[in-house]
Amino acid sequence: MEAPQYIAARVQRALAEDDRTTELGIRVDVRGDQLYLRGQVNCAERCRLITEVAREAAPGLVIHNEIDVVDVREPVGEEKL
């Protein structure tokens, strides 16, 4: 089996270069046959696409998507300091 750090690097590269994701802020950890994705994105669709790209880049591994979807909105008003 390929070394975990090489698998993680391959998945991170795929997430960065794939047009569906172009994502640099996701941490990838490999432990045995388990691959963990951690980080934050702004919508559930992006979260799903990240899992899809990771699965393609690391076939045969069990993917655990622990990515948080955060609500990013325009500020409602002026911030008072």
Protein backbone atom coordinates (compact mmCIF):
# COMPACT_ATOMS: atom_id res chain seq x y z
CA MET A 1 0.00 0.00 0.00
CA GLU A 2 1.11 3.54 -0.76
CA ALA A 3 2.43 5.66 2.14
CA PRO A 4 -0.31 7.72 3.85
CA GLN A 5 1.46 11.04 3.29
CA TYR A 6 1.57 10.40 -0.48
CA ILE A 7 -2.12 9.56 -0.59
CA ALA A 8 -2.95 12.72 1.40
CA ALA A 9 -0.79 14.84 -0.93
CA ARG A 10 -2.45 13.33 -4.01
CA VAL A 11 -5.93 14.09 -2.62
CA GLN A 12 -4.97 17.65 -1.63
CA ARG A 13 -3.57 18.24 -5.10
CA ALA A 14 -6.75 16.86 -6.69
CA LEU A 15 -8.90 19.14 -4.50
CA ALA A 16 -6.79 22.15 -5.52
CA GLU A 17 -6.63 21.38 -9.25
CA ASP A 18 -10.06 19.92 -9.99
CA ASP A 19 -12.40 22.53 -11.54
CA ARG A 20 -15.28 21.28 -9.39
CA THR A 21 -13.51 22.20 -6.15
CA THR A 22 -10.38 24.38 -6.57
CA GLU A 23 -10.06 24.06 -2.80
CA LEU A 24 -6.85 24.79 -0.87
CA GLY A 25 -8.18 24.92 2.68
CA ILE A 26 -9.07 21.29 3.33
CA ARG A 27 -6.89 19.16 5.59
CA VAL A 28 -6.51 15.53 4.52
CA ASP A 29 -5.43 12.82 6.97
CA VAL A 30 -4.98 9.14 6.11
CA ARG A 31 -5.03 6.43 8.78
CA GLY A 32 -4.88 2.92 7.38
CA ASP A 33 -7.74 2.57 4.90
CA GLN A 34 -9.56 5.63 6.31
CA LEU A 35 -9.30 9.12 4.79
CA TYR A 36 -10.47 12.13 6.80
CA LEU A 37 -11.38 15.49 5.28
CA ARG A 38 -11.47 18.49 7.63
CA GLY A 39 -12.00 22.20 7.10
CA GLN A 40 -14.73 24.68 6.30
CA VAL A 41 -16.69 25.48 3.16
CA ASN A 42 -19.59 27.81 2.43
CA CYS A 43 -22.19 25.36 1.06
CA ALA A 44 -23.31 21.75 1.22
CA GLU A 45 -22.81 21.27 -2.54
CA ARG A 46 -19.10 22.13 -2.26
CA CYS A 47 -18.84 19.69 0.64
CA ARG A 48 -20.37 16.96 -1.54
CA LEU A 49 -18.05 17.75 -4.45
CA ILE A 50 -15.00 17.59 -2.20
CA THR A 51 -16.01 14.09 -1.13
CA GLU A 52 -16.51 13.09 -4.77
CA VAL A 53 -13.09 14.37 -5.85
CA ALA A 54 -11.38 12.75 -2.84
CA ARG A 55 -13.05 9.41 -3.63
CA GLU A 56 -11.79 9.60 -7.22
CA ALA A 57 -8.25 10.48 -6.08
CA ALA A 58 -8.10 7.74 -3.43
CA PRO A 59 -10.25 4.83 -4.61
CA GLY A 60 -10.64 2.01 -2.13
CA LEU A 61 -10.35 4.19 0.98
CA VAL A 62 -13.25 4.93 3.29
CA ILE A 63 -13.90 8.69 3.14
CA HIS A 64 -14.92 10.53 6.32
CA ASN A 65 -16.09 14.02 5.46
CA GLU A 66 -15.80 16.08 8.65
CA ILE A 67 -15.99 19.40 6.81
CA ASP A 68 -18.10 22.12 8.41
CA VAL A 69 -20.47 24.15 6.27
CA VAL A 70 -20.37 27.74 7.52
CA ASP A 71 -22.92 30.42 6.80
CA VAL A 72 -21.20 33.34 5.08
CA ARG A 73 -23.38 36.39 4.54
CA GLU A 74 -22.98 40.06 3.79
CA PRO A 75 -22.84 42.23 6.90
CA VAL A 76 -26.28 43.50 7.89
CA GLY A 77 -25.16 46.81 9.27
CA GLU A 78 -22.20 48.90 10.24
CA GLU A 79 -20.05 47.53 13.04
CA LYS A 80 -19.65 49.93 15.98
CA LEU A 81 -16.27 49.87 17.66
